[in-house]
PDB file of N, CA and C in Angstrom:
ATOM      1  N   MET A   1      65.425 -94.570-133.532  1.00  0.00           N
ATOM      2  CA  MET A   1      66.176 -93.297-133.979  1.00  0.00           C
ATOM      3  C   MET A   1      67.479 -92.766-133.457  1.00  0.00           C
ATOM      4  N   PRO A   2      68.287 -92.609-134.446  1.00  0.00           N
ATOM      5  CA  PRO A   2      69.259 -91.842-133.938  1.00  0.00           C
ATOM      6  C   PRO A   2      69.666 -90.535-133.505  1.00  0.00           C
ATOM      7  N   LYS A   3      70.387 -90.851-132.122  1.00  0.00           N
ATOM      8  CA  LYS A   3      71.155 -89.629-131.743  1.00  0.00           C
ATOM      9  C   LYS A   3      71.415 -88.353-132.574  1.00  0.00           C
ATOM     10  N   SER A   4      72.001 -87.172-133.103  1.00  0.00           N
ATOM     11  CA  SER A   4      71.495 -86.280-133.495  1.00  0.00           C
ATOM     12  C   SER A   4      73.196 -85.896-132.761  1.00  0.00           C
ATOM     13  N   ARG A   5      74.110 -85.485-133.651  1.00  0.00           N
ATOM     14  CA  ARG A   5      75.729 -85.113-132.898  1.00  0.00           C
ATOM     15  C   ARG A   5      75.498 -84.039-132.516  1.00  0.00           C
ATOM     16  N   ILE A   6      76.069 -83.726-130.695  1.00  0.00           N
ATOM     17  CA  ILE A   6      76.464 -82.961-129.533  1.00  0.00           C
ATOM     18  C   ILE A   6      77.736 -81.602-130.459  1.00  0.00           C
ATOM     19  N   ARG A   7      77.390 -80.569-131.054  1.00  0.00           N
ATOM     20  CA  ARG A   7      78.529 -79.580-130.933  1.00  0.00           C
ATOM     21  C   ARG A   7      79.004 -78.960-130.147  1.00  0.00           C
ATOM     22  N   LYS A   8      80.098 -79.194-130.121  1.00  0.00           N
ATOM     23  CA  LYS A   8      81.208 -78.907-129.124  1.00  0.00           C
ATOM     24  C   LYS A   8      81.159 -76.708-128.797  1.00  0.00           C
ATOM     25  N   LYS A   9      80.469 -76.014-127.855  1.00  0.00           N
ATOM     26  CA  LYS A   9      81.409 -74.521-128.572  1.00  0.00           C
ATOM     27  C   LYS A   9      82.185 -74.375-128.201  1.00  0.00           C
ATOM     28  N   ALA A  10      82.501 -72.935-129.006  1.00  0.00           N
ATOM     29  CA  ALA A  10      84.183 -72.416-128.858  1.00  0.00           C
ATOM     30  C   ALA A  10      84.287 -71.903-127.181  1.00  0.00           C
ATOM     31  N   ASP A  11      85.313 -72.011-126.831  1.00  0.00           N
ATOM     32  CA  ASP A  11      85.704 -70.975-125.912  1.00  0.00           C
ATOM     33  C   ASP A  11      85.513 -69.781-125.489  1.00  0.00           C
ATOM     34  N   PHE A  12      84.831 -69.183-125.114  1.00  0.00           N
ATOM     35  CA  PHE A  12      84.807 -67.539-124.910  1.00  0.00           C
ATOM     36  C   PHE A  12      85.963 -67.083-125.655  1.00  0.00           C
ATOM     37  N   THR A  13      86.305 -65.935-125.800  1.00  0.00           N
ATOM     38  CA  THR A  13      87.753 -65.488-125.971  1.00  0.00           C
ATOM     39  C   THR A  13      87.187 -63.669-125.914  1.00  0.00           C
ATOM     40  N   PRO A  14      87.305 -62.881-125.044  1.00  0.00           N
ATOM     41  CA  PRO A  14      87.285 -61.685-124.931  1.00  0.00           C
ATOM     42  C   PRO A  14      88.216 -60.625-125.724  1.00  0.00           C
ATOM     43  N   PRO A  15      87.174 -59.205-126.669  1.00  0.00           N
ATOM     44  CA  PRO A  15      87.265 -59.444-127.493  1.00  0.00           C
ATOM     45  C   PRO A  15      88.794 -57.961-126.828  1.00  0.00           C
ATOM     46  N   PRO A  16      89.540 -58.170-127.817  1.00  0.00           N
ATOM     47  CA  PRO A  16      91.074 -56.629-127.483  1.00  0.00           C
ATOM     48  C   PRO A  16      90.997 -56.211-126.548  1.00  0.00           C
ATOM     49  N   ALA A  17      91.370 -55.347-125.495  1.00  0.00           N
ATOM     50  CA  ALA A  17      91.065 -54.074-124.808  1.00  0.00           C
ATOM     51  C   ALA A  17      91.315 -53.030-125.931  1.00  0.00           C
ATOM     52  N   LYS A  18      90.589 -51.939-125.240  1.00  0.00           N
ATOM     53  CA  LYS A  18      91.275 -50.486-126.166  1.00  0.00           C
ATOM     54  C   LYS A  18      92.224 -50.210-125.306  1.00  0.00           C
ATOM     55  N   GLN A  19      92.752 -49.020-126.055  1.00  0.00           N
ATOM     56  CA  GLN A  19      94.660 -48.554-125.233  1.00  0.00           C
ATOM     57  C   GLN A  19      93.919 -47.652-125.090  1.00  0.00           C
ATOM     58  N   ALA A  20      94.814 -47.296-124.062  1.00  0.00           N
ATOM     59  CA  ALA A  20      93.988 -45.841-122.866  1.00  0.00           C
ATOM     60  C   ALA A  20      94.756 -45.232-123.535  1.00  0.00           C
ATOM     61  N   ALA A  21      95.808 -44.919-124.567  1.00  0.00           N
ATOM     62  CA  ALA A  21      96.525 -43.647-125.193  1.00  0.00           C
ATOM     63  C   ALA A  21      95.448 -43.345-126.407  1.00  0.00           C
ATOM     64  N   ASN A  22      94.544 -44.284-127.228  1.00  0.00           N
ATOM     65  CA  ASN A  22      93.819 -43.445-128.433  1.00  0.00           C
ATOM     66  C   ASN A  22      92.626 -42.417-127.476  1.00  0.00           C
ATOM     67  N   ILE A  23      91.995 -42.977-126.129  1.00  0.00           N
ATOM     68  CA  ILE A  23      90.317 -42.224-125.498  1.00  0.00           C
ATOM     69  C   ILE A  23      91.600 -41.132-124.830  1.00  0.00           C
ATOM     70  N   LYS A  24      91.320 -39.690-124.718  1.00  0.00           N
ATOM     71  CA  LYS A  24      91.651 -38.868-124.635  1.00  0.00           C
ATOM     72  C   LYS A  24      90.792 -38.061-123.811  1.00  0.00           C
ATOM     73  N   LEU A  25      90.756 -38.349-122.837  1.00  0.00           N
ATOM     74  CA  LEU A  25      89.972 -37.220-121.414  1.00  0.00           C
ATOM     75  C   LEU A  25      90.044 -36.078-120.939  1.00  0.00           C
ATOM     76  N   THR A  26      89.441 -35.230-121.410  1.00  0.00           N
ATOM     77  CA  THR A  26      89.564 -33.993-121.223  1.00  0.00           C
ATOM     78  C   THR A  26      88.755 -33.214-119.607  1.00  0.00           C
ATOM     79  N   SER A  27      89.494 -32.756-118.535  1.00  0.00           N
ATOM     80  CA  SER A  27      89.113 -32.283-117.444  1.00  0.00           C
ATOM     81  C   SER A  27      87.330 -31.632-117.160  1.00  0.00           C
ATOM     82  N   ARG A  28      86.585 -31.832-116.990  1.00  0.00           N
ATOM     83  CA  ARG A  28      85.227 -30.719-116.889  1.00  0.00           C
ATOM     84  C   ARG A  28      85.399 -30.547-116.007  1.00  0.00           C
ATOM     85  N   SER A  29      85.879 -29.986-115.027  1.00  0.00           N
ATOM     86  CA  SER A  29      85.817 -29.474-113.543  1.00  0.00           C
ATOM     87  C   SER A  29      85.037 -28.096-114.262  1.00  0.00           C
ATOM     88  N   TRP A  30      84.962 -27.499-114.727  1.00  0.00           N
ATOM     89  CA  TRP A  30      84.377 -26.254-115.043  1.00  0.00           C
ATOM     90  C   TRP A  30      82.838 -26.066-115.213  1.00  0.00           C
ATOM     91  N   VAL A  31      82.430 -27.103-115.863  1.00  0.00           N
ATOM     92  CA  VAL A  31      80.892 -26.772-115.971  1.00  0.00           C
ATOM     93  C   VAL A  31      80.454 -27.123-115.101  1.00  0.00           C
ATOM     94  N   ALA A  32      80.520 -28.182-113.779  1.00  0.00           N
ATOM     95  CA  ALA A  32      79.111 -27.874-112.726  1.00  0.00           C
ATOM     96  C   ALA A  32      79.654 -26.437-111.770  1.00  0.00           C
ATOM     97  N   PRO A  33      80.372 -25.698-111.517  1.00  0.00           N
ATOM     98  CA  PRO A  33      80.558 -23.921-111.591  1.00  0.00           C
ATOM     99  C   PRO A  33      80.002 -23.222-112.574  1.00  0.00           C
ATOM    100  N   VAL A  34      79.941 -23.323-113.874  1.00  0.00           N
ATOM    101  CA  VAL A  34      79.404 -22.417-114.485  1.00  0.00           C
ATOM    102  C   VAL A  34      78.003 -22.542-114.612  1.00  0.00           C
ATOM    103  N   MET A  35      77.660 -23.596-115.042  1.00  0.00           N
ATOM    104  CA  MET A  35      76.164 -24.899-114.975  1.00  0.00           C
ATOM    105  C   MET A  35      75.220 -23.981-113.862  1.00  0.00           C
ATOM    106  N   LEU A  36      75.761 -24.411-112.514  1.00  0.00           N
ATOM    107  CA  LEU A  36      75.050 -23.717-111.363  1.00  0.00           C
ATOM    108  C   LEU A  36      75.246 -21.771-111.020  1.00  0.00           C
ATOM    109  N   ALA A  37      76.217 -21.367-111.925  1.00  0.00           N
ATOM    110  CA  ALA A  37      76.250 -19.518-111.388  1.00  0.00           C
ATOM    111  C   ALA A  37      75.141 -19.357-113.194  1.00  0.00           C
ATOM    112  N   LEU A  38      75.379 -19.845-113.977  1.00  0.00           N
ATOM    113  CA  LEU A  38      73.631 -20.071-114.452  1.00  0.00           C
ATOM    114  C   LEU A  38      72.520 -19.778-114.265  1.00  0.00           C
ATOM    115  N   PHE A  39      72.342 -21.095-113.683  1.00  0.00           N
ATOM    116  CA  PHE A  39      70.893 -21.280-112.934  1.00  0.00           C
ATOM    117  C   PHE A  39      70.719 -19.779-111.903  1.00  0.00           C
ATOM    118  N   LEU A  40      71.648 -20.052-111.164  1.00  0.00           N
ATOM    119  CA  LEU A  40      71.586 -18.826-109.778  1.00  0.00           C
ATOM    120  C   LEU A  40      71.279 -16.897-110.831  1.00  0.00           C
ATOM    121  N   ILE A  41      71.826 -17.046-111.965  1.00  0.00           N
ATOM    122  CA  ILE A  41      72.161 -15.722-112.102  1.00  0.00           C
ATOM    123  C   ILE A  41      70.188 -15.812-112.971  1.00  0.00           C
ATOM    124  N   GLY A  42      70.391 -16.393-114.179  1.00  0.00           N
ATOM    125  CA  GLY A  42      68.754 -16.516-114.186  1.00  0.00           C
ATOM    126  C   GLY A  42      68.223 -16.269-113.040  1.00  0.00           C
ATOM    127  N   LEU A  43      67.429 -17.197-112.034  1.00  0.00           N
ATOM    128  CA  LEU A  43      66.616 -17.156-110.887  1.00  0.00           C
ATOM    129  C   LEU A  43      66.514 -15.965-110.125  1.00  0.00           C
ATOM    130  N   ALA A  44      67.682 -15.350-109.700  1.00  0.00           N
ATOM    131  CA  ALA A  44      68.193 -14.169-109.225  1.00  0.00           C
ATOM    132  C   ALA A  44      67.630 -12.755-110.004  1.00  0.00           C
ATOM    133  N   TRP A  45      67.596 -13.464-111.618  1.00  0.00           N
ATOM    134  CA  TRP A  45      66.957 -12.080-113.181  1.00  0.00           C
ATOM    135  C   TRP A  45      65.583 -11.742-112.739  1.00  0.00           C
ATOM    136  N   ILE A  46      65.390 -12.879-112.410  1.00  0.00           N
ATOM    137  CA  ILE A  46      63.441 -13.010-112.429  1.00  0.00           C
ATOM    138  C   ILE A  46      63.165 -12.452-110.662  1.00  0.00           C
ATOM    139  N   VAL A  47      63.974 -13.100-110.495  1.00  0.00           N
ATOM    140  CA  VAL A  47      62.933 -12.293-108.538  1.00  0.00           C
ATOM    141  C   VAL A  47      63.284 -10.920-108.754  1.00  0.00           C
ATOM    142  N   VAL A  48      64.622 -10.629-108.483  1.00  0.00           N
ATOM    143  CA  VAL A  48      64.889  -9.596-108.799  1.00  0.00           C
ATOM    144  C   VAL A  48      63.911  -8.314-109.645  1.00  0.00           C
ATOM    145  N   PHE A  49      63.240  -8.896-111.016  1.00  0.00           N
ATOM    146  CA  PHE A  49      62.485  -8.286-111.336  1.00  0.00           C
ATOM    147  C   PHE A  49      60.805  -8.257-110.861  1.00  0.00           C
ATOM    148  N   TYR A  50      60.689  -8.669-109.985  1.00  0.00           N
ATOM    149  CA  TYR A  50      59.569  -9.005-109.496  1.00  0.00           C
ATOM    150  C   TYR A  50      59.388  -8.394-108.929  1.00  0.00           C
ATOM    151  N   VAL A  51      60.643  -8.848-107.760  1.00  0.00           N
ATOM    152  CA  VAL A  51      60.337  -8.138-106.347  1.00  0.00           C
ATOM    153  C   VAL A  51      59.999  -6.670-106.750  1.00  0.00           C
ATOM    154  N   THR A  52      61.024  -5.910-107.685  1.00  0.00           N
ATOM    155  CA  THR A  52      60.937  -4.163-107.852  1.00  0.00           C
ATOM    156  C   THR A  52      59.894  -3.545-108.657  1.00  0.00           C
ATOM    157  N   ASP A  53      59.083  -4.492-108.768  1.00  0.00           N
ATOM    158  CA  ASP A  53      57.909  -4.131-109.545  1.00  0.00           C
ATOM    159  C   ASP A  53      58.618  -3.974-110.830  1.00  0.00           C
ATOM    160  N   GLY A  54      59.712  -4.470-111.544  1.00  0.00           N
ATOM    161  CA  GLY A  54      59.662  -4.123-113.301  1.00  0.00           C
ATOM    162  C   GLY A  54      61.069  -3.080-112.974  1.00  0.00           C
ATOM    163  N   ASP A  55      60.959  -2.031-111.590  1.00  0.00           N
ATOM    164  CA  ASP A  55      62.776  -1.268-112.233  1.00  0.00           C
ATOM    165  C   ASP A  55      63.826  -1.988-112.153  1.00  0.00           C
ATOM    166  N   LEU A  56      64.088  -2.750-111.612  1.00  0.00           N
ATOM    167  CA  LEU A  56      65.266  -3.940-111.371  1.00  0.00           C
ATOM    168  C   LEU A  56      65.444  -4.935-112.345  1.00  0.00           C
ATOM    169  N   PRO A  57      65.998  -5.183-113.173  1.00  0.00           N
ATOM    170  CA  PRO A  57      67.610  -5.198-113.260  1.00  0.00           C
ATOM    171  C   PRO A  57      67.915  -4.039-114.294  1.00  0.00           C
ATOM    172  N   VAL A  58      67.309  -4.336-115.499  1.00  0.00           N
ATOM    173  CA  VAL A  58      66.887  -3.495-116.607  1.00  0.00           C
ATOM    174  C   VAL A  58      65.506  -2.762-117.174  1.00  0.00           C
ATOM    175  N   GLU A  59      65.411  -2.027-116.612  1.00  0.00           N
ATOM    176  CA  GLU A  59      63.985  -1.005-116.560  1.00  0.00           C
ATOM    177  C   GLU A  59      63.304  -0.734-117.942  1.00  0.00           C
ATOM    178  N   SER A  60      64.914  -0.762-119.018  1.00  0.00           N
ATOM    179  CA  SER A  60      64.246  -0.447-120.238  1.00  0.00           C
ATOM    180  C   SER A  60      63.136  -1.855-120.793  1.00  0.00           C
ATOM    181  N   LEU A  61      64.427  -2.798-120.567  1.00  0.00           N
ATOM    182  CA  LEU A  61      63.469  -4.327-121.165  1.00  0.00           C
ATOM    183  C   LEU A  61      61.504  -4.313-120.826  1.00  0.00           C
ATOM    184  N   GLY A  62      61.553  -4.045-119.394  1.00  0.00           N
ATOM    185  CA  GLY A  62      59.974  -4.419-119.304  1.00  0.00           C
ATOM    186  C   GLY A  62      60.307  -5.671-118.850  1.00  0.00           C
ATOM    187  N   ASN A  63      59.111  -6.280-119.509  1.00  0.00           N
ATOM    188  CA  ASN A  63      58.566  -7.462-119.866  1.00  0.00           C
ATOM    189  C   ASN A  63      59.607  -8.516-119.680  1.00  0.00           C
ATOM    190  N   TRP A  64      60.895  -8.315-120.906  1.00  0.00           N
ATOM    191  CA  TRP A  64      61.817  -8.898-121.500  1.00  0.00           C
ATOM    192  C   TRP A  64      62.725  -9.225-120.631  1.00  0.00           C
ATOM    193  N   ASN A  65      62.924  -8.864-119.987  1.00  0.00           N
ATOM    194  CA  ASN A  65      63.577  -9.132-118.185  1.00  0.00           C
ATOM    195  C   ASN A  65      63.702 -10.742-117.834  1.00  0.00           C
ATOM    196  N   ILE A  66      61.776 -11.121-118.186  1.00  0.00           N
ATOM    197  CA  ILE A  66      61.982 -12.137-117.854  1.00  0.00           C
ATOM    198  C   ILE A  66      62.523 -13.370-118.784  1.00  0.00           C
ATOM    199  N   VAL A  67      62.400 -13.173-120.334  1.00  0.00           N
ATOM    200  CA  VAL A  67      63.396 -13.832-120.898  1.00  0.00           C
ATOM    201  C   VAL A  67      64.416 -14.023-120.556  1.00  0.00           C
ATOM    202  N   VAL A  68      65.002 -12.551-120.683  1.00  0.00           N
ATOM    203  CA  VAL A  68      66.106 -12.479-120.531  1.00  0.00           C
ATOM    204  C   VAL A  68      66.715 -13.644-118.683  1.00  0.00           C
ATOM    205  N   GLY A  69      66.192 -13.470-118.470  1.00  0.00           N
ATOM    206  CA  GLY A  69      66.428 -14.327-116.763  1.00  0.00           C
ATOM    207  C   GLY A  69      65.965 -15.932-116.795  1.00  0.00           C
ATOM    208  N   PHE A  70      65.098 -16.105-118.575  1.00  0.00           N
ATOM    209  CA  PHE A  70      65.028 -17.943-118.638  1.00  0.00           C
ATOM    210  C   PHE A  70      66.256 -18.130-119.098  1.00  0.00           C
ATOM    211  N   GLY A  71      66.776 -17.494-120.631  1.00  0.00           N
ATOM    212  CA  GLY A  71      67.937 -17.090-120.520  1.00  0.00           C
ATOM    213  C   GLY A  71      68.828 -17.865-120.764  1.00  0.00           C
ATOM    214  N   PHE A  72      69.575 -17.694-119.090  1.00  0.00           N
ATOM    215  CA  PHE A  72      70.314 -17.695-118.541  1.00  0.00           C
ATOM    216  C   PHE A  72      70.111 -19.254-117.953  1.00  0.00           C
ATOM    217  N   ILE A  73      68.832 -19.397-117.620  1.00  0.00           N
ATOM    218  CA  ILE A  73      68.620 -20.869-117.048  1.00  0.00           C
ATOM    219  C   ILE A  73      68.747 -21.837-118.506  1.00  0.00           C
ATOM    220  N   ALA A  74      68.295 -21.271-119.459  1.00  0.00           N
ATOM    221  CA  ALA A  74      68.511 -22.289-120.415  1.00  0.00           C
ATOM    222  C   ALA A  74      70.111 -22.354-121.009  1.00  0.00           C
ATOM    223  N   GLY A  75      71.112 -21.605-120.402  1.00  0.00           N
ATOM    224  CA  GLY A  75      71.970 -21.001-121.205  1.00  0.00           C
ATOM    225  C   GLY A  75      72.859 -22.316-119.804  1.00  0.00           C
ATOM    226  N   GLY A  76      72.714 -22.615-118.823  1.00  0.00           N
ATOM    227  CA  GLY A  76      72.666 -23.315-117.726  1.00  0.00           C
ATOM    228  C   GLY A  76      72.081 -24.930-117.741  1.00  0.00           C
ATOM    229  N   PHE A  77      71.689 -24.865-118.874  1.00  0.00           N
ATOM    230  CA  PHE A  77      70.953 -26.668-119.023  1.00  0.00           C
ATOM    231  C   PHE A  77      72.159 -26.780-120.475  1.00  0.00           C
ATOM    232  N   GLY A  78      72.418 -25.945-121.215  1.00  0.00           N
ATOM    233  CA  GLY A  78      73.107 -26.468-122.098  1.00  0.00           C
ATOM    234  C   GLY A  78      74.773 -26.856-122.100  1.00  0.00           C
ATOM    235  N   VAL A  79      75.346 -25.298-120.850  1.00  0.00           N
ATOM    236  CA  VAL A  79      76.441 -26.062-120.380  1.00  0.00           C
ATOM    237  C   VAL A  79      76.368 -27.084-119.872  1.00  0.00           C
ATOM    238  N   SER A  80      74.689 -28.371-119.395  1.00  0.00           N
ATOM    239  CA  SER A  80      75.445 -29.310-118.714  1.00  0.00           C
ATOM    240  C   SER A  80      75.271 -30.200-118.739  1.00  0.00           C
ATOM    241  N   THR A  81      75.349 -29.967-121.141  1.00  0.00           N
ATOM    242  CA  THR A  81      75.196 -31.137-121.559  1.00  0.00           C
ATOM    243  C   THR A  81      76.936 -31.543-121.958  1.00  0.00           C
ATOM    244  N   GLN A  82      77.594 -30.813-121.712  1.00  0.00           N
ATOM    245  CA  GLN A  82      79.043 -30.783-121.290  1.00  0.00           C
ATOM    246  C   GLN A  82      79.793 -32.063-120.450  1.00  0.00           C
ATOM    247  N   TRP A  83      78.683 -31.940-119.048  1.00  0.00           N
ATOM    248  CA  TRP A  83      79.165 -32.532-117.816  1.00  0.00           C
ATOM    249  C   TRP A  83      79.529 -34.151-118.096  1.00  0.00           C
ATOM    250  N   LYS A  84      80.724 -34.848-118.258  1.00  0.00           N
ATOM    251  CA  LYS A  84      80.824 -35.915-118.230  1.00  0.00           C
ATOM    252  C   LYS A  84      81.510 -36.905-116.933  1.00  0.00           C
TER     253      LYS A  84
END
C-alpha cells in the first residue's frame, strides 16, 4: 500500500502587537479608598443604630437606618467594580 504524503506545517507567526498608544489606561487609585470608606461607613451606621437602640444616627428613620447602612455597603460593592 502506498504511503500518504506528509504535509509540512506552516511556521507559527505571532499576531501583530497592539499599539500601546491606542490603549488608554486611567488611574483608578481612588477606587480602593472610596470602596473601603463606604464599607466602613455602612458598618458603622448599622453598629451605631444597634448600640444606641435606634436613637442614632437618624432617629426619625427608625428601622430604615439598617437599609441606609446596607445601602452604603452596596455602594462600596458598586464602586469595587471600577477596580482594575
